[in-house]
Amino acid sequence: MSLNEQAATAFTEQFAQAPEWIVRAPGRVNIIGEHTDYNDGFVLPMAIDRAVYIACRPTETQTVKVHSLDFDETRAFDLAETTALKPAADGWLEYLKGTAWALQDAGYSLKGWEGVLVGDIPVGAGLSSSAAVEMATARAFAAVADLPWEPGTMARLGQRAENQWVGVNCGIMDQMISATGRQGHALLLDCRSLEGDLVPLPQGVAVVILDTGTRRGLVDSAYNARRAQCEAAARFFGVQALRDVDEETFAARAPELDETARPRANHVISENARTVQAAEAMRAGDAASLGRLMNESHRSLRDDFSVSSPALDAMVECAHAQTGCYGARMTGAGFGGCAVALVAAENAESFAAATETAYRQATGNDPSVYICKATDGAALLE
């Protein structure tokens, strides 16, 4: 049974009536462009065929009541009592509450609904399960209250929920690709202007996600510290963000930066250049060049930005050793989670099996490997 069918069946069991809508919002994998989003730079994510689903129907109340199949619990919150909408340690419900708060604060008039939530995006793996929940929630609110669905606007409100409600200082990439993804394409996103160019994946390749089986918590990790270091480096150069510093300017003044800021800035500035080059390689169908850029990205994240981990490094090394691998790198915020590999499609199945075996032998960890397709962004299924 598919996840949308599971959601519909569970809704009928939970609420004794069929749902009026089923919404879907995908997770994402970032092919290249890591820790560039909050530096107003470029990223190149694609929406994947792992997603969050909400089966829902409107109610006559101002209560949002949701049953999570993954957590096997039912939670609720009240839209009418805006004072009741305050951040709390409510786990998965906070992403729904935060999205409701951001929509209401932006002037949207919301209506209550009841729903069932289910997904197959691994939590904490760097595949943006939280952004998918936010975009699915926004899509459900839009359906219930008959609001216009404006993907870019909703993505920004989802980001605001994550920043100001959940407390994770993320950039715009995760919500934007979950809202605007396109089948068969990645999105070259300018995180300053929020203009995006759809870029087709090269023919004959597969994107393989390599989950190390290790996890990190963004709120408690060094993510916010890295962001502060980047902002300090931008102030040193007298610019709004590191996106405004080219490689030549950085090379000329790098010796003036302190020992921490210098490698952090070097990563962001070089990663922006790599991301633009990667989109050019994709347009040209040049998988080999794309893979090389991915390899360079991993080295930079490991050595300059210091956000890799022994598990991620081991996974990337195992991937490189397999037939058909063009390139591999950690993806996501780092310190655990997933790597991503670009592989010849004909070798994808054997690559996945061999990499999983080699990694397990090398680390003793229990990995998961997903051969992914690029899919559409948040949408109503019914």
Protein backbone atom coordinates (compact mmCIF):
# COMPACT_ATOMS: atom_id res chain seq x y z
CA MET A 1 0.00 0.00 0.00
CA SER A 2 1.39 3.42 -0.98
CA LEU A 3 1.84 6.11 1.66
CA ASN A 4 -1.01 8.22 0.33
CA GLU A 5 -3.24 5.14 0.51
CA GLN A 6 -2.02 4.48 4.06
CA ALA A 7 -2.86 8.06 5.00
CA ALA A 8 -6.34 7.81 3.48
CA THR A 9 -7.08 4.45 5.11
CA ALA A 10 -5.83 5.61 8.50
CA PHE A 11 -7.86 8.81 8.22
CA THR A 12 -11.04 6.85 7.61
CA GLU A 13 -10.25 4.61 10.59
CA GLN A 14 -9.37 7.59 12.81
CA PHE A 15 -12.22 9.94 11.88
CA ALA A 16 -14.91 7.58 10.50
CA GLN A 17 -15.03 9.40 7.18
CA ALA A 18 -12.91 9.65 4.04
CA PRO A 19 -10.49 12.59 3.77
CA GLU A 20 -11.34 15.46 1.47
CA TRP A 21 -7.75 16.01 0.38
CA ILE A 22 -4.39 14.32 0.42
CA VAL A 23 -1.37 16.57 0.14
CA ARG A 24 2.21 15.57 -0.55
CA ALA A 25 5.45 17.48 0.00
CA PRO A 26 8.83 15.91 -0.84
CA GLY A 27 12.12 15.79 0.93
CA ARG A 28 15.20 16.83 -0.93
CA VAL A 29 18.80 15.99 -1.57
CA ASN A 30 21.25 18.74 -2.34
CA ILE A 31 23.49 17.73 -5.21
CA ILE A 32 25.97 20.52 -4.50
CA GLY A 33 26.02 23.90 -2.76
CA GLU A 34 26.31 23.25 0.96
CA HIS A 35 26.23 25.99 3.63
CA THR A 36 25.90 28.54 0.84
CA ASP A 37 22.17 29.20 1.25
CA TYR A 38 22.41 31.39 4.35
CA ASN A 39 25.32 33.20 2.69
CA ASP A 40 22.97 34.42 -0.09
CA GLY A 41 24.68 32.02 -2.48
CA PHE A 42 23.72 29.23 -4.88
CA VAL A 43 22.42 25.75 -4.22
CA LEU A 44 21.46 22.87 -6.52
CA PRO A 45 18.88 20.64 -4.79
CA MET A 46 16.35 18.23 -6.22
CA ALA A 47 13.08 17.06 -4.72
CA ILE A 48 13.13 13.31 -4.13
CA ASP A 49 10.60 10.49 -4.23
CA ARG A 50 10.42 10.36 -0.44
CA ALA A 51 7.81 12.62 1.04
CA VAL A 52 5.37 13.62 3.76
CA TYR A 53 1.66 13.05 3.19
CA ILE A 54 -1.31 14.57 5.00
CA ALA A 55 -4.85 13.27 4.53
CA CYS A 56 -7.22 15.94 5.80
CA ARG A 57 -10.69 17.48 5.83
CA PRO A 58 -11.94 20.84 7.17
CA THR A 59 -13.86 21.14 10.42
CA GLU A 60 -16.23 23.73 11.80
CA THR A 61 -13.86 24.52 14.65
CA GLN A 62 -10.58 26.42 14.90
CA THR A 63 -8.75 23.33 16.11
CA VAL A 64 -6.12 21.47 14.12
CA LYS A 65 -6.11 17.82 15.17
CA VAL A 66 -3.54 15.51 13.59
CA HIS A 67 -2.68 11.85 14.06
CA SER A 68 0.90 10.90 13.22
CA LEU A 69 1.22 7.34 11.94
CA ASP A 70 4.98 7.44 12.42
CA PHE A 71 4.74 8.41 16.10
CA ASP A 72 1.36 6.70 16.70
CA GLU A 73 -0.10 9.65 18.57
CA THR A 74 -2.78 12.29 18.09
CA ARG A 75 -2.05 15.93 18.93
CA ALA A 76 -4.04 19.16 18.56
CA PHE A 77 -3.74 22.93 18.83
CA ASP A 78 -6.16 25.87 18.65
CA LEU A 79 -5.98 28.52 15.94
CA ALA A 80 -8.53 30.82 17.54
CA GLU A 81 -6.56 31.36 20.71
CA THR A 82 -3.48 32.92 19.22
CA THR A 83 -1.96 33.16 22.69
CA ALA A 84 -2.04 29.37 22.75
CA LEU A 85 0.29 29.30 19.77
CA LYS A 86 3.60 29.51 21.53
CA PRO A 87 6.72 27.44 20.98
CA ALA A 88 6.90 24.42 23.26
CA ALA A 89 8.73 21.14 23.45
CA ASP A 90 6.02 19.32 21.53
CA GLY A 91 8.24 17.42 19.10
CA TRP A 92 6.77 16.87 15.64
CA LEU A 93 3.73 19.06 16.36
CA GLU A 94 5.95 22.15 16.58
CA TYR A 95 6.49 22.12 12.80
CA LEU A 96 2.73 22.26 12.22
CA LYS A 97 2.18 24.90 14.90
CA GLY A 98 5.07 26.99 13.63
CA THR A 99 3.72 26.89 10.08
CA ALA A 100 0.26 27.94 11.32
CA TRP A 101 1.84 30.79 13.29
CA ALA A 102 3.83 32.00 10.26
CA LEU A 103 0.77 31.91 8.00
CA GLN A 104 -1.40 33.76 10.49
CA ASP A 105 1.29 36.33 11.19
CA ALA A 106 1.51 36.97 7.44
CA GLY A 107 -2.20 37.79 7.36
CA TYR A 108 -3.69 34.51 6.16
CA SER A 109 -7.07 33.55 7.61
CA LEU A 110 -6.84 29.89 8.57
CA LYS A 111 -9.48 27.25 9.25
CA GLY A 112 -9.40 24.19 11.45
CA TRP A 113 -8.92 20.71 10.10
CA GLU A 114 -8.26 17.15 11.13
CA GLY A 115 -5.73 14.96 9.46
CA VAL A 116 -3.37 12.02 9.36
CA LEU A 117 0.35 12.59 8.82
CA VAL A 118 2.77 10.00 7.46
CA GLY A 119 6.11 10.09 5.68
CA ASP A 120 9.08 8.03 4.56
CA ILE A 121 11.85 10.64 4.81
CA PRO A 122 14.44 9.48 7.35
CA VAL A 123 14.43 11.95 10.25
CA GLY A 124 17.73 13.66 10.95
CA ALA A 125 19.39 12.34 7.81
CA GLY A 126 19.79 15.72 6.13
CA LEU A 127 16.96 15.10 3.64
CA SER A 128 14.74 17.91 4.96
CA SER A 129 11.97 15.98 6.63
CA SER A 130 11.15 19.11 8.62
CA ALA A 131 10.75 21.30 5.53
CA ALA A 132 8.54 18.63 3.97
CA VAL A 133 6.29 18.67 7.05
CA GLU A 134 6.12 22.48 6.89
CA MET A 135 5.25 22.53 3.18
CA ALA A 136 2.70 19.71 3.53
CA THR A 137 1.12 21.61 6.42
CA ALA A 138 1.02 24.85 4.43
CA ARG A 139 -0.50 22.97 1.48
CA ALA A 140 -3.15 21.49 3.78
CA PHE A 141 -4.02 24.91 5.23
CA ALA A 142 -4.25 26.33 1.70
CA ALA A 143 -6.64 23.55 0.64
CA VAL A 144 -8.83 23.81 3.72
CA ALA A 145 -9.10 27.61 3.71
CA ASP A 146 -9.10 27.96 -0.10
CA LEU A 147 -5.92 30.05 -0.04
CA PRO A 148 -3.90 30.75 -3.18
CA TRP A 149 -0.94 28.39 -3.42
CA GLU A 150 2.13 30.52 -4.07
CA PRO A 151 5.13 28.18 -3.73
CA GLY A 152 7.78 30.85 -3.21
CA THR A 153 5.74 32.70 -0.61
CA MET A 154 4.89 29.51 1.23
CA ALA A 155 8.53 28.44 1.20
CA ARG A 156 9.56 31.69 2.86
CA LEU A 157 6.88 31.27 5.52
CA GLY A 158 8.04 27.71 6.14
CA GLN A 159 11.57 29.00 6.59
CA ARG A 160 10.29 31.60 9.05
CA ALA A 161 8.59 28.86 11.04
CA GLU A 162 11.84 26.92 11.20
CA ASN A 163 13.91 29.99 12.13
CA GLN A 164 11.67 31.76 14.61
CA TRP A 165 9.47 28.99 15.95
CA VAL A 166 11.53 25.81 15.91
CA GLY A 167 14.77 27.71 16.47
CA VAL A 168 16.90 26.40 13.61
CA ASN A 169 18.63 29.18 11.69
CA CYS A 170 18.29 27.47 8.29
CA GLY A 171 18.39 29.09 4.88
CA ILE A 172 15.65 29.01 2.25
CA MET A 173 16.78 26.00 0.19
CA ASP A 174 14.90 23.18 1.92
CA GLN A 175 11.46 24.76 1.87
CA MET A 176 11.92 26.20 -1.62
CA ILE A 177 12.78 22.89 -3.31
CA SER A 178 10.04 21.07 -1.39
CA ALA A 179 7.56 23.66 -2.69
CA THR A 180 8.82 24.08 -6.25
CA GLY A 181 10.57 20.85 -7.35
CA ARG A 182 10.13 19.49 -10.86
CA GLN A 183 10.28 15.91 -12.06
CA GLY A 184 13.58 15.03 -13.76
CA HIS A 185 15.23 18.30 -12.75
CA ALA A 186 17.31 19.94 -10.07
CA LEU A 187 16.89 23.60 -9.19
CA LEU A 188 19.74 26.09 -9.40
CA LEU A 189 18.49 28.48 -6.75
CA ASP A 190 19.85 31.96 -6.11
CA CYS A 191 19.24 32.23 -2.38
CA ARG A 192 19.34 36.04 -2.49
CA SER A 193 16.87 36.77 -5.27
CA LEU A 194 15.07 33.42 -4.85
CA GLU A 195 15.14 33.08 -8.62
CA GLY A 196 15.49 29.50 -9.74
CA ASP A 197 16.48 27.80 -12.96
CA LEU A 198 15.38 24.24 -13.55
CA VAL A 199 18.32 22.16 -14.70
CA PRO A 200 17.81 18.69 -16.25
CA LEU A 201 19.70 15.79 -14.77
CA PRO A 202 22.20 14.29 -17.22
CA GLN A 203 20.94 11.29 -19.16
CA GLY A 204 22.04 7.87 -18.00
CA VAL A 205 22.78 8.77 -14.38
CA ALA A 206 21.22 7.92 -11.04
CA VAL A 207 21.36 9.90 -7.83
CA VAL A 208 21.99 7.62 -4.87
CA ILE A 209 21.51 8.71 -1.27
CA LEU A 210 23.82 6.99 1.19
CA ASP A 211 22.54 7.20 4.75
CA THR A 212 25.40 6.61 7.19
CA GLY A 213 23.03 5.56 9.97
CA THR A 214 24.42 8.34 12.15
CA ARG A 215 22.44 11.38 13.24
CA ARG A 216 23.00 14.93 14.36
CA GLY A 217 20.70 17.52 15.90
CA LEU A 218 20.75 20.84 14.06
CA VAL A 219 19.69 22.92 17.04
CA ASP A 220 22.49 21.53 19.20
CA SER A 221 25.13 21.24 16.48
CA ALA A 222 27.69 23.74 15.26
CA TYR A 223 25.35 24.93 12.49
CA ASN A 224 24.56 28.25 14.12
CA ALA A 225 28.24 28.73 14.99
CA ARG A 226 29.24 28.26 11.33
CA ARG A 227 26.65 30.79 10.29
CA ALA A 228 28.02 33.34 12.76
CA GLN A 229 31.55 32.73 11.48
CA CYS A 230 30.43 33.36 7.91
CA GLU A 231 28.67 36.57 8.91
CA ALA A 232 31.83 37.76 10.65
CA ALA A 233 33.87 37.05 7.52
CA ALA A 234 31.37 39.02 5.41
CA ARG A 235 31.74 41.97 7.77
CA PHE A 236 35.51 41.76 7.35
CA PHE A 237 35.11 42.10 3.57
CA GLY A 238 32.54 44.88 4.01
CA VAL A 239 29.82 43.03 2.10
CA GLN A 240 26.28 41.87 2.82
CA ALA A 241 27.18 38.19 2.49
CA LEU A 242 30.08 36.01 1.38
CA ARG A 243 28.28 35.53 -1.93
CA ASP A 244 29.58 39.03 -2.79
CA VAL A 245 33.25 38.02 -2.48
CA ASP A 246 34.86 36.52 -5.59
CA GLU A 247 37.72 34.06 -5.49
CA GLU A 248 40.32 36.64 -6.56
CA THR A 249 39.36 39.11 -3.80
CA PHE A 250 39.40 36.34 -1.25
CA ALA A 251 42.86 35.13 -2.34
CA ALA A 252 44.27 38.65 -2.05
CA ARG A 253 42.99 39.27 1.48
CA ALA A 254 42.80 35.77 2.95
CA PRO A 255 45.99 36.18 5.03
CA GLU A 256 44.26 38.97 6.98
CA LEU A 257 41.51 36.66 8.22
CA ASP A 258 41.91 34.71 11.44
CA GLU A 259 42.63 30.99 11.44
CA THR A 260 38.96 30.06 11.88
CA ALA A 261 37.31 32.52 9.49
CA ARG A 262 39.73 31.92 6.61
CA PRO A 263 38.83 28.29 5.83
CA ARG A 264 35.14 28.90 6.49
CA ALA A 265 35.05 31.74 3.96
CA ASN A 266 37.17 29.75 1.51
CA HIS A 267 34.61 26.97 1.50
CA VAL A 268 31.61 29.22 0.92
CA ILE A 269 33.25 31.27 -1.84
CA SER A 270 34.62 28.24 -3.70
CA GLU A 271 31.39 26.27 -3.20
CA ASN A 272 29.36 29.03 -4.84
CA ALA A 273 31.62 28.84 -7.88
CA ARG A 274 31.39 25.04 -7.96
CA THR A 275 27.60 25.13 -7.78
CA VAL A 276 27.26 27.42 -10.79
CA GLN A 277 29.75 25.24 -12.68
CA ALA A 278 27.79 22.13 -11.72
CA ALA A 279 24.61 23.53 -13.26
CA GLU A 280 26.55 24.26 -16.44
CA ALA A 281 27.84 20.69 -16.46
CA MET A 282 24.29 19.36 -16.05
CA ARG A 283 23.00 21.47 -18.92
CA ALA A 284 25.81 20.04 -21.05
CA GLY A 285 25.03 16.50 -19.92
CA ASP A 286 28.57 16.22 -18.53
CA ALA A 287 28.27 13.75 -15.67
CA ALA A 288 32.04 13.42 -15.28
CA SER A 289 32.51 17.13 -14.60
CA LEU A 290 29.55 17.16 -12.23
CA GLY A 291 31.04 14.27 -10.31
CA ARG A 292 34.43 15.97 -10.05
CA LEU A 293 32.80 19.08 -8.62
CA MET A 294 30.95 16.95 -6.06
CA ASN A 295 34.25 15.40 -4.97
CA GLU A 296 35.81 18.84 -4.57
CA SER A 297 32.80 19.94 -2.55
CA HIS A 298 33.26 17.10 -0.08
CA ARG A 299 36.93 17.87 0.44
CA SER A 300 36.08 21.50 1.10
CA LEU A 301 33.31 20.63 3.56
CA ARG A 302 35.63 18.21 5.33
CA ASP A 303 38.80 20.29 5.45
CA ASP A 304 37.69 23.94 5.34
CA PHE A 305 34.21 23.99 6.83
CA SER A 306 34.83 21.07 9.21
CA VAL A 307 31.29 19.71 9.11
CA SER A 308 31.96 16.17 7.90
CA SER A 309 32.38 13.19 10.21
CA PRO A 310 34.30 9.91 10.20
CA ALA A 311 31.13 8.11 9.11
CA LEU A 312 30.49 10.51 6.22
CA ASP A 313 34.12 10.35 5.10
CA ALA A 314 34.04 6.56 5.18
CA MET A 315 30.83 6.46 3.14
CA VAL A 316 32.26 8.79 0.51
CA GLU A 317 35.45 6.70 0.28
CA CYS A 318 33.40 3.51 -0.11
CA ALA A 319 31.35 5.13 -2.87
CA HIS A 320 34.45 6.29 -4.75
CA ALA A 321 35.77 2.72 -4.80
CA GLN A 322 32.79 1.35 -6.72
CA THR A 323 32.35 0.95 -10.47
CA GLY A 324 30.22 3.63 -12.11
CA CYS A 325 30.65 6.33 -9.46
CA TYR A 326 31.21 9.78 -10.98
CA GLY A 327 31.42 11.55 -7.64
CA ALA A 328 30.20 11.59 -4.04
CA ARG A 329 29.95 14.04 -1.19
CA MET A 330 28.30 14.59 2.16
CA THR A 331 24.99 16.38 1.85
CA GLY A 332 23.01 18.37 4.39
CA ALA A 333 24.31 20.30 7.36
CA GLY A 334 26.86 17.65 8.24
CA PHE A 335 28.14 15.90 11.39
CA GLY A 336 26.13 12.81 10.37
CA GLY A 337 23.29 11.91 8.09
CA CYS A 338 23.74 11.25 4.40
CA ALA A 339 26.12 11.40 1.50
CA VAL A 340 24.99 11.64 -2.12
CA ALA A 341 26.57 9.96 -5.12
CA LEU A 342 26.22 10.44 -8.87
CA VAL A 343 26.35 7.03 -10.52
CA ALA A 344 25.97 5.58 -14.01
CA ALA A 345 22.38 4.34 -14.11
CA GLU A 346 23.40 0.92 -15.38
CA ASN A 347 25.56 0.45 -12.28
CA ALA A 348 23.14 1.92 -9.73
CA GLU A 349 21.87 -1.34 -8.22
CA SER A 350 25.29 -2.97 -7.94
CA PHE A 351 26.80 0.30 -6.70
CA ALA A 352 24.20 0.58 -3.96
CA ALA A 353 24.73 -3.00 -2.76
CA ALA A 354 28.53 -2.85 -2.88
CA THR A 355 28.77 0.53 -1.15
CA GLU A 356 26.42 -0.57 1.61
CA THR A 357 28.46 -3.73 2.23
CA ALA A 358 31.81 -1.94 2.15
CA TYR A 359 30.63 0.79 4.52
CA ARG A 360 29.16 -1.67 7.00
CA GLN A 361 32.43 -3.62 7.04
CA ALA A 362 34.49 -0.45 7.43
CA THR A 363 32.48 1.15 10.25
CA GLY A 364 30.16 -1.38 11.83
CA ASN A 365 27.30 1.07 11.28
CA ASP A 366 24.00 0.07 9.74
CA PRO A 367 23.51 2.15 6.58
CA SER A 368 20.55 2.63 4.26
CA VAL A 369 20.85 3.31 0.54
CA TYR A 370 18.19 4.91 -1.67
CA ILE A 371 18.28 5.20 -5.44
CA CYS A 372 16.23 8.36 -5.98
CA LYS A 373 14.25 10.10 -8.69
CA ALA A 374 13.68 13.84 -9.00
CA THR A 375 10.02 14.62 -8.34
CA ASP A 376 7.53 17.49 -8.29
CA GLY A 377 7.09 19.79 -5.30
CA ALA A 378 4.22 20.14 -2.84
CA ALA A 379 0.84 19.37 -4.38
CA LEU A 380 -2.72 18.16 -3.82
CA LEU A 381 -3.13 14.51 -4.78
CA GLU A 382 -6.89 14.40 -4.28
